[in-house]
Amino acid sequence: MRRPSWLIWTTMQRQSAPAEILDPVAPTTSRRMARTAQRDNRNERALRSILHRRGLRFRVHRRILERTRRTVDIAFAGARVAVFIDGCFWHDCPIHGTSPINNAAWWRAKIDANVARDRDTDTRLLASGWTVVRIWEHEDLSHAADRIEALVRVSRHKAKTRS
């Protein structure tokens, strides 16, 4: 029987990782984390709903960067505005980010890698002419929508005046 590609990748990743980071995640934690929505979660759907009611049209989970699997949560292609809704735990929120006690080294490495990937994504998008908006999951969504709407409308106005 052929092993799924994700299992092969995970096995290869674990073989190349330092020994102190290989502590397994507890099965109950693993099940809980697996149930956490990576996309289309409650905050993301609510923010999209607010933006749509305001007359803004967008794409969801769009790959913008070439040669990468990274996606933008909400993309306004015409205005070149990329929106990410970041979870406080996974993206190390300065206000609400927590550090687990169990397997602390493994989790620190995981969260640090997420933050590094976020910064790399921001840098690449900015270099490609995109405006990046990062929303923390604890932020008020109507205020976040105000920020996004203002950026999108200004960017669209600038694009029209250049034409």
N, C-alpha and C. Protein backbone atom coordinates (compact mmCIF):
# COMPACT_ATOMS: atom_id res chain seq x y z
N MET A 1 0.84 -1.18 0.00
CA MET A 1 0.00 0.00 0.00
C MET A 1 0.88 1.25 0.00
N ARG A 2 0.52 2.21 -0.80
CA ARG A 2 1.30 3.44 -0.93
C ARG A 2 0.96 4.40 0.20
N ARG A 3 1.98 5.01 0.79
CA ARG A 3 1.76 5.98 1.87
C ARG A 3 1.33 7.32 1.29
N PRO A 4 0.42 8.02 1.98
CA PRO A 4 0.01 9.34 1.50
C PRO A 4 1.20 10.30 1.50
N SER A 5 1.18 11.27 0.57
CA SER A 5 2.30 12.19 0.42
C SER A 5 2.54 13.02 1.68
N TRP A 6 1.46 13.37 2.39
CA TRP A 6 1.66 14.16 3.61
C TRP A 6 2.42 13.38 4.67
N LEU A 7 2.23 12.05 4.69
CA LEU A 7 2.92 11.21 5.66
C LEU A 7 4.40 11.12 5.30
N ILE A 8 4.68 10.99 4.02
CA ILE A 8 6.07 10.92 3.57
C ILE A 8 6.78 12.24 3.89
N TRP A 9 6.12 13.37 3.60
CA TRP A 9 6.71 14.69 3.87
C TRP A 9 6.95 14.88 5.36
N THR A 10 5.98 14.49 6.18
CA THR A 10 6.12 14.63 7.62
C THR A 10 7.27 13.78 8.13
N THR A 11 7.39 12.56 7.61
CA THR A 11 8.47 11.68 8.01
C THR A 11 9.82 12.28 7.63
N MET A 12 9.92 12.81 6.41
CA MET A 12 11.16 13.43 5.96
C MET A 12 11.48 14.65 6.82
N GLN A 13 10.48 15.43 7.14
CA GLN A 13 10.68 16.63 7.95
C GLN A 13 11.18 16.24 9.34
N ARG A 14 10.58 15.24 9.94
CA ARG A 14 10.97 14.81 11.28
C ARG A 14 12.40 14.27 11.28
N GLN A 15 12.80 13.57 10.20
CA GLN A 15 14.15 13.01 10.16
C GLN A 15 15.19 14.11 10.10
N SER A 16 14.85 15.25 9.49
CA SER A 16 15.82 16.32 9.36
C SER A 16 15.77 17.33 10.50
N ALA A 17 14.78 17.21 11.39
CA ALA A 17 14.63 18.16 12.49
C ALA A 17 15.57 17.80 13.64
N PRO A 18 16.02 18.81 14.39
CA PRO A 18 16.86 18.52 15.56
C PRO A 18 16.13 17.63 16.56
N ALA A 19 16.88 16.82 17.28
CA ALA A 19 16.29 15.84 18.19
C ALA A 19 15.44 16.48 19.28
N GLU A 20 15.84 17.65 19.80
CA GLU A 20 15.09 18.24 20.91
C GLU A 20 13.73 18.77 20.47
N ILE A 21 13.48 18.88 19.17
CA ILE A 21 12.22 19.40 18.69
C ILE A 21 11.25 18.26 18.33
N LEU A 22 11.69 17.03 18.40
CA LEU A 22 10.89 15.91 17.94
C LEU A 22 9.87 15.39 18.95
N ASP A 23 9.71 16.04 20.08
CA ASP A 23 8.73 15.57 21.06
C ASP A 23 7.36 15.49 20.39
N PRO A 24 6.69 14.36 20.51
CA PRO A 24 5.38 14.24 19.88
C PRO A 24 4.33 15.08 20.63
N VAL A 25 3.35 15.50 19.90
CA VAL A 25 2.25 16.24 20.49
C VAL A 25 1.29 15.21 21.09
N ALA A 26 0.75 15.50 22.25
CA ALA A 26 -0.17 14.58 22.91
C ALA A 26 -1.36 14.29 21.99
N PRO A 27 -1.86 13.07 21.97
CA PRO A 27 -2.97 12.71 21.08
C PRO A 27 -4.21 13.60 21.26
N THR A 28 -4.53 13.95 22.50
CA THR A 28 -5.71 14.82 22.70
C THR A 28 -5.47 16.21 22.12
N THR A 29 -4.26 16.71 22.28
CA THR A 29 -3.92 18.01 21.70
C THR A 29 -3.96 17.93 20.19
N SER A 30 -3.43 16.87 19.64
CA SER A 30 -3.41 16.68 18.20
C SER A 30 -4.83 16.67 17.63
N ARG A 31 -5.74 15.94 18.28
CA ARG A 31 -7.13 15.89 17.81
C ARG A 31 -7.78 17.27 17.89
N ARG A 32 -7.54 18.00 18.99
CA ARG A 32 -8.12 19.33 19.14
C ARG A 32 -7.59 20.29 18.07
N MET A 33 -6.30 20.26 17.81
CA MET A 33 -5.71 21.13 16.80
C MET A 33 -6.18 20.76 15.40
N ALA A 34 -6.39 19.49 15.15
CA ALA A 34 -6.87 19.05 13.84
C ALA A 34 -8.28 19.56 13.56
N ARG A 35 -9.07 19.74 14.62
CA ARG A 35 -10.45 20.23 14.45
C ARG A 35 -10.51 21.75 14.26
N THR A 36 -9.42 22.45 14.55
CA THR A 36 -9.39 23.90 14.41
C THR A 36 -9.41 24.25 12.93
N ALA A 37 -10.35 25.08 12.53
CA ALA A 37 -10.48 25.45 11.13
C ALA A 37 -9.29 26.28 10.68
N GLN A 38 -8.66 25.86 9.61
CA GLN A 38 -7.54 26.61 9.06
C GLN A 38 -8.04 27.70 8.13
N ARG A 39 -9.18 27.50 7.57
CA ARG A 39 -9.76 28.48 6.65
C ARG A 39 -11.27 28.45 6.81
N ASP A 40 -11.90 29.52 6.39
CA ASP A 40 -13.36 29.66 6.51
C ASP A 40 -13.82 29.54 7.96
N ASN A 41 -13.00 30.02 8.90
CA ASN A 41 -13.43 29.98 10.29
C ASN A 41 -14.44 31.10 10.56
N ARG A 42 -14.96 31.14 11.76
CA ARG A 42 -16.04 32.08 12.10
C ARG A 42 -15.64 33.54 11.86
N ASN A 43 -14.45 33.94 12.29
CA ASN A 43 -14.02 35.33 12.10
C ASN A 43 -13.84 35.67 10.64
N GLU A 44 -13.27 34.74 9.90
CA GLU A 44 -13.05 34.98 8.48
C GLU A 44 -14.38 35.14 7.74
N ARG A 45 -15.32 34.26 8.01
CA ARG A 45 -16.64 34.36 7.36
C ARG A 45 -17.34 35.65 7.75
N ALA A 46 -17.24 36.03 9.03
CA ALA A 46 -17.90 37.26 9.49
C ALA A 46 -17.29 38.49 8.82
N LEU A 47 -15.97 38.55 8.72
CA LEU A 47 -15.32 39.69 8.06
C LEU A 47 -15.69 39.75 6.59
N ARG A 48 -15.70 38.62 5.92
CA ARG A 48 -16.10 38.60 4.51
C ARG A 48 -17.53 39.07 4.35
N SER A 49 -18.40 38.70 5.26
CA SER A 49 -19.79 39.12 5.20
C SER A 49 -19.91 40.64 5.33
N ILE A 50 -19.17 41.21 6.28
CA ILE A 50 -19.19 42.67 6.47
C ILE A 50 -18.69 43.37 5.20
N LEU A 51 -17.58 42.89 4.67
CA LEU A 51 -17.01 43.51 3.47
C LEU A 51 -17.96 43.39 2.28
N HIS A 52 -18.60 42.25 2.14
CA HIS A 52 -19.54 42.04 1.03
C HIS A 52 -20.75 42.97 1.16
N ARG A 53 -21.27 43.13 2.39
CA ARG A 53 -22.39 44.05 2.60
C ARG A 53 -22.02 45.48 2.25
N ARG A 54 -20.75 45.81 2.35
CA ARG A 54 -20.30 47.16 2.00
C ARG A 54 -20.05 47.33 0.50
N GLY A 55 -20.34 46.29 -0.25
CA GLY A 55 -20.21 46.38 -1.70
C GLY A 55 -18.84 46.01 -2.23
N LEU A 56 -17.98 45.49 -1.39
CA LEU A 56 -16.65 45.10 -1.84
C LEU A 56 -16.67 43.66 -2.34
N ARG A 57 -16.00 43.42 -3.45
CA ARG A 57 -15.93 42.08 -4.02
C ARG A 57 -14.49 41.63 -4.00
N PHE A 58 -14.29 40.36 -3.74
CA PHE A 58 -12.94 39.84 -3.48
C PHE A 58 -12.88 38.37 -3.81
N ARG A 59 -11.69 37.83 -3.75
CA ARG A 59 -11.43 36.40 -3.89
C ARG A 59 -10.98 35.87 -2.54
N VAL A 60 -11.27 34.60 -2.27
CA VAL A 60 -10.85 34.01 -1.00
C VAL A 60 -9.84 32.90 -1.26
N HIS A 61 -8.90 32.78 -0.34
CA HIS A 61 -7.87 31.73 -0.35
C HIS A 61 -7.18 31.65 -1.71
N ARG A 62 -6.71 32.78 -2.15
CA ARG A 62 -6.10 32.89 -3.47
C ARG A 62 -4.58 32.81 -3.36
N ARG A 63 -4.00 32.04 -4.26
CA ARG A 63 -2.54 31.99 -4.34
C ARG A 63 -2.09 33.17 -5.19
N ILE A 64 -1.28 34.01 -4.60
CA ILE A 64 -0.80 35.19 -5.31
C ILE A 64 0.67 35.05 -5.65
N LEU A 65 1.44 34.53 -4.72
CA LEU A 65 2.88 34.38 -4.92
C LEU A 65 3.18 33.15 -5.77
N GLU A 66 4.03 33.35 -6.76
CA GLU A 66 4.40 32.24 -7.63
C GLU A 66 5.32 31.27 -6.90
N ARG A 67 5.24 30.02 -7.29
CA ARG A 67 6.08 28.95 -6.75
C ARG A 67 5.97 28.82 -5.23
N THR A 68 4.78 29.02 -4.70
CA THR A 68 4.54 28.81 -3.28
C THR A 68 3.10 28.36 -3.08
N ARG A 69 2.86 27.64 -2.01
CA ARG A 69 1.49 27.18 -1.71
C ARG A 69 0.76 28.16 -0.81
N ARG A 70 1.37 29.25 -0.45
CA ARG A 70 0.76 30.22 0.46
C ARG A 70 -0.43 30.90 -0.19
N THR A 71 -1.48 31.07 0.60
CA THR A 71 -2.68 31.72 0.08
C THR A 71 -3.01 32.94 0.93
N VAL A 72 -3.71 33.87 0.31
CA VAL A 72 -4.20 35.06 0.99
C VAL A 72 -5.63 34.76 1.43
N ASP A 73 -5.99 35.12 2.65
CA ASP A 73 -7.34 34.84 3.14
C ASP A 73 -8.38 35.59 2.31
N ILE A 74 -8.16 36.88 2.09
CA ILE A 74 -9.06 37.70 1.28
C ILE A 74 -8.20 38.54 0.36
N ALA A 75 -8.43 38.45 -0.94
CA ALA A 75 -7.63 39.18 -1.91
C ALA A 75 -8.50 40.10 -2.76
N PHE A 76 -8.11 41.36 -2.81
CA PHE A 76 -8.73 42.36 -3.68
C PHE A 76 -7.74 42.57 -4.83
N ALA A 77 -7.88 41.79 -5.89
CA ALA A 77 -6.88 41.77 -6.96
C ALA A 77 -6.76 43.12 -7.66
N GLY A 78 -7.88 43.77 -7.96
CA GLY A 78 -7.82 45.05 -8.66
C GLY A 78 -7.12 46.11 -7.85
N ALA A 79 -7.34 46.12 -6.56
CA ALA A 79 -6.73 47.12 -5.67
C ALA A 79 -5.38 46.65 -5.15
N ARG A 80 -5.06 45.36 -5.36
CA ARG A 80 -3.82 44.75 -4.89
C ARG A 80 -3.69 44.87 -3.36
N VAL A 81 -4.76 44.48 -2.68
CA VAL A 81 -4.78 44.46 -1.22
C VAL A 81 -4.97 43.01 -0.79
N ALA A 82 -4.06 42.53 0.06
CA ALA A 82 -4.09 41.16 0.57
C ALA A 82 -4.38 41.20 2.07
N VAL A 83 -5.41 40.46 2.49
CA VAL A 83 -5.83 40.46 3.89
C VAL A 83 -5.60 39.07 4.49
N PHE A 84 -5.00 39.06 5.68
CA PHE A 84 -4.79 37.84 6.42
C PHE A 84 -5.46 37.99 7.78
N ILE A 85 -6.17 36.97 8.23
CA ILE A 85 -6.74 36.95 9.57
C ILE A 85 -5.89 35.95 10.36
N ASP A 86 -5.12 36.47 11.30
CA ASP A 86 -4.16 35.65 12.04
C ASP A 86 -4.69 35.27 13.41
N GLY A 87 -4.55 34.00 13.75
CA GLY A 87 -4.93 33.51 15.07
C GLY A 87 -3.87 33.90 16.09
N CYS A 88 -4.31 34.28 17.27
CA CYS A 88 -3.39 34.75 18.32
C CYS A 88 -2.37 33.68 18.71
N PHE A 89 -2.78 32.44 18.82
CA PHE A 89 -1.86 31.38 19.22
C PHE A 89 -0.88 31.07 18.09
N TRP A 90 -1.40 30.80 16.91
CA TRP A 90 -0.57 30.31 15.81
C TRP A 90 0.40 31.35 15.27
N HIS A 91 0.07 32.63 15.42
CA HIS A 91 0.91 33.68 14.84
C HIS A 91 1.56 34.56 15.90
N ASP A 92 1.55 34.13 17.15
CA ASP A 92 2.27 34.74 18.25
C ASP A 92 1.85 36.20 18.49
N CYS A 93 0.58 36.38 18.75
CA CYS A 93 0.04 37.71 19.05
C CYS A 93 0.77 38.31 20.26
N PRO A 94 1.21 39.57 20.15
CA PRO A 94 1.92 40.18 21.29
C PRO A 94 1.02 40.39 22.51
N ILE A 95 -0.29 40.40 22.31
CA ILE A 95 -1.22 40.60 23.42
C ILE A 95 -1.72 39.27 23.99
N HIS A 96 -2.14 38.35 23.09
CA HIS A 96 -2.78 37.12 23.54
C HIS A 96 -2.00 35.85 23.25
N GLY A 97 -0.84 35.96 22.62
CA GLY A 97 -0.06 34.77 22.30
C GLY A 97 0.36 34.04 23.56
N THR A 98 0.27 32.72 23.54
CA THR A 98 0.65 31.91 24.70
C THR A 98 1.72 30.91 24.28
N SER A 99 2.46 30.44 25.24
CA SER A 99 3.47 29.41 25.01
C SER A 99 3.09 28.18 25.81
N PRO A 100 2.81 27.08 25.13
CA PRO A 100 2.46 25.85 25.84
C PRO A 100 3.62 25.37 26.72
N ILE A 101 3.28 24.73 27.81
CA ILE A 101 4.29 24.19 28.72
C ILE A 101 4.78 22.84 28.22
N ASN A 102 3.84 21.98 27.79
CA ASN A 102 4.22 20.67 27.25
C ASN A 102 4.86 20.86 25.89
N ASN A 103 5.98 20.18 25.67
CA ASN A 103 6.70 20.24 24.39
C ASN A 103 7.03 21.68 24.01
N ALA A 104 7.46 22.46 24.96
CA ALA A 104 7.68 23.90 24.76
C ALA A 104 8.63 24.20 23.61
N ALA A 105 9.71 23.44 23.49
CA ALA A 105 10.68 23.70 22.41
C ALA A 105 10.06 23.43 21.04
N TRP A 106 9.30 22.35 20.95
CA TRP A 106 8.65 22.02 19.68
C TRP A 106 7.67 23.12 19.28
N TRP A 107 6.82 23.55 20.23
CA TRP A 107 5.83 24.59 19.93
C TRP A 107 6.50 25.92 19.62
N ARG A 108 7.55 26.28 20.34
CA ARG A 108 8.24 27.55 20.07
C ARG A 108 8.79 27.54 18.66
N ALA A 109 9.41 26.43 18.25
CA ALA A 109 9.95 26.32 16.89
C ALA A 109 8.82 26.43 15.85
N LYS A 110 7.70 25.78 16.12
CA LYS A 110 6.55 25.80 15.20
C LYS A 110 6.00 27.22 15.06
N ILE A 111 5.78 27.89 16.17
CA ILE A 111 5.20 29.24 16.13
C ILE A 111 6.20 30.23 15.52
N ASP A 112 7.48 30.10 15.87
CA ASP A 112 8.50 30.97 15.27
C ASP A 112 8.57 30.79 13.75
N ALA A 113 8.41 29.54 13.29
CA ALA A 113 8.40 29.29 11.84
C ALA A 113 7.18 29.95 11.19
N ASN A 114 6.04 29.90 11.85
CA ASN A 114 4.84 30.57 11.33
C ASN A 114 5.07 32.07 11.19
N VAL A 115 5.65 32.68 12.22
CA VAL A 115 5.91 34.13 12.20
C VAL A 115 6.91 34.47 11.10
N ALA A 116 7.96 33.67 10.97
CA ALA A 116 8.96 33.91 9.92
C ALA A 116 8.33 33.80 8.53
N ARG A 117 7.44 32.81 8.36
CA ARG A 117 6.75 32.66 7.07
C ARG A 117 5.84 33.85 6.80
N ASP A 118 5.16 34.35 7.85
CA ASP A 118 4.31 35.54 7.70
C ASP A 118 5.14 36.73 7.22
N ARG A 119 6.29 36.96 7.85
CA ARG A 119 7.14 38.10 7.48
C ARG A 119 7.65 37.94 6.05
N ASP A 120 8.04 36.71 5.68
CA ASP A 120 8.51 36.46 4.32
C ASP A 120 7.39 36.71 3.31
N THR A 121 6.19 36.26 3.63
CA THR A 121 5.04 36.49 2.75
C THR A 121 4.78 37.98 2.59
N ASP A 122 4.80 38.72 3.70
CA ASP A 122 4.60 40.17 3.65
C ASP A 122 5.64 40.84 2.75
N THR A 123 6.89 40.46 2.94
CA THR A 123 7.98 41.05 2.15
C THR A 123 7.79 40.78 0.66
N ARG A 124 7.46 39.54 0.33
CA ARG A 124 7.27 39.19 -1.09
C ARG A 124 6.08 39.93 -1.70
N LEU A 125 4.99 40.01 -0.95
CA LEU A 125 3.81 40.71 -1.47
C LEU A 125 4.09 42.20 -1.65
N LEU A 126 4.74 42.81 -0.67
CA LEU A 126 5.08 44.23 -0.79
C LEU A 126 5.98 44.48 -1.99
N ALA A 127 6.94 43.59 -2.23
CA ALA A 127 7.83 43.71 -3.38
C ALA A 127 7.07 43.56 -4.70
N SER A 128 5.94 42.86 -4.67
CA SER A 128 5.12 42.67 -5.87
C SER A 128 4.07 43.77 -6.03
N GLY A 129 4.10 44.76 -5.15
CA GLY A 129 3.17 45.88 -5.28
C GLY A 129 1.85 45.71 -4.55
N TRP A 130 1.76 44.77 -3.65
CA TRP A 130 0.54 44.55 -2.90
C TRP A 130 0.61 45.29 -1.57
N THR A 131 -0.55 45.67 -1.06
CA THR A 131 -0.67 46.20 0.30
C THR A 131 -1.13 45.05 1.17
N VAL A 132 -0.45 44.83 2.28
CA VAL A 132 -0.76 43.70 3.17
C VAL A 132 -1.46 44.22 4.42
N VAL A 133 -2.59 43.59 4.75
CA VAL A 133 -3.33 43.91 5.96
C VAL A 133 -3.39 42.64 6.80
N ARG A 134 -2.93 42.73 8.04
CA ARG A 134 -3.01 41.59 8.95
C ARG A 134 -3.96 41.95 10.08
N ILE A 135 -4.95 41.10 10.27
CA ILE A 135 -5.98 41.28 11.29
C ILE A 135 -5.80 40.19 12.33
N TRP A 136 -5.73 40.57 13.60
CA TRP A 136 -5.67 39.57 14.66
C TRP A 136 -7.08 39.07 14.95
N GLU A 137 -7.20 37.82 15.34
CA GLU A 137 -8.52 37.23 15.59
C GLU A 137 -9.29 37.94 16.68
N HIS A 138 -8.61 38.65 17.59
CA HIS A 138 -9.30 39.33 18.68
C HIS A 138 -9.75 40.75 18.29
N GLU A 139 -9.36 41.23 17.13
CA GLU A 139 -9.73 42.59 16.72
C GLU A 139 -11.21 42.69 16.42
N ASP A 140 -11.76 43.88 16.64
CA ASP A 140 -13.14 44.15 16.29
C ASP A 140 -13.26 44.12 14.76
N LEU A 141 -14.14 43.27 14.25
CA LEU A 141 -14.22 43.06 12.81
C LEU A 141 -14.75 44.27 12.05
N SER A 142 -15.63 45.06 12.67
CA SER A 142 -16.13 46.25 11.96
C SER A 142 -15.01 47.29 11.81
N HIS A 143 -14.14 47.41 12.81
CA HIS A 143 -12.99 48.31 12.69
C HIS A 143 -12.01 47.80 11.64
N ALA A 144 -11.80 46.50 11.62
CA ALA A 144 -10.93 45.90 10.62
C ALA A 144 -11.50 46.13 9.22
N ALA A 145 -12.81 45.97 9.08
CA ALA A 145 -13.46 46.20 7.79
C ALA A 145 -13.32 47.66 7.36
N ASP A 146 -13.39 48.59 8.31
CA ASP A 146 -13.18 50.02 8.00
C ASP A 146 -11.80 50.24 7.40
N ARG A 147 -10.78 49.66 8.05
CA ARG A 147 -9.41 49.80 7.54
C ARG A 147 -9.26 49.22 6.15
N ILE A 148 -9.81 48.03 5.95
CA ILE A 148 -9.70 47.36 4.66
C ILE A 148 -10.43 48.15 3.59
N GLU A 149 -11.65 48.56 3.90
CA GLU A 149 -12.45 49.31 2.92
C GLU A 149 -11.73 50.59 2.50
N ALA A 150 -11.17 51.31 3.44
CA ALA A 150 -10.45 52.54 3.11
C ALA A 150 -9.27 52.26 2.18
N LEU A 151 -8.50 51.23 2.49
CA LEU A 151 -7.36 50.88 1.64
C LEU A 151 -7.78 50.47 0.24
N VAL A 152 -8.83 49.66 0.16
CA VAL A 152 -9.30 49.18 -1.14
C VAL A 152 -9.82 50.34 -1.98
N ARG A 153 -10.60 51.21 -1.40
CA ARG A 153 -11.16 52.33 -2.15
C ARG A 153 -10.08 53.31 -2.60
N VAL A 154 -9.10 53.58 -1.75
CA VAL A 154 -8.00 54.47 -2.14
C VAL A 154 -7.18 53.82 -3.25
N SER A 155 -6.88 52.53 -3.11
CA SER A 155 -6.10 51.84 -4.13
C SER A 155 -6.83 51.80 -5.46
N ARG A 156 -8.12 51.58 -5.44
CA ARG A 156 -8.90 51.57 -6.69
C ARG A 156 -8.94 52.95 -7.32
N HIS A 157 -9.06 53.99 -6.48
CA HIS A 157 -9.08 55.36 -6.98
C HIS A 157 -7.75 55.70 -7.65
N LYS A 158 -6.64 55.30 -7.02
CA LYS A 158 -5.33 55.55 -7.60
C LYS A 158 -5.17 54.82 -8.92
N ALA A 159 -5.66 53.60 -8.99
CA ALA A 159 -5.55 52.82 -10.22
C ALA A 159 -6.35 53.47 -11.35
N LYS A 160 -7.52 54.03 -11.03
CA LYS A 160 -8.34 54.70 -12.05
C LYS A 160 -7.69 55.97 -12.55
N THR A 161 -7.08 56.73 -11.65
CA THR A 161 -6.45 58.00 -12.07
C THR A 161 -5.19 57.77 -12.88
N ARG A 162 -4.53 56.62 -12.69
CA ARG A 162 -3.34 56.30 -13.49
C ARG A 162 -3.71 55.89 -14.90
N SER A 163 -4.91 55.38 -15.09
CA SER A 163 -5.31 54.84 -16.41
C SER A 163 -5.60 55.92 -17.41
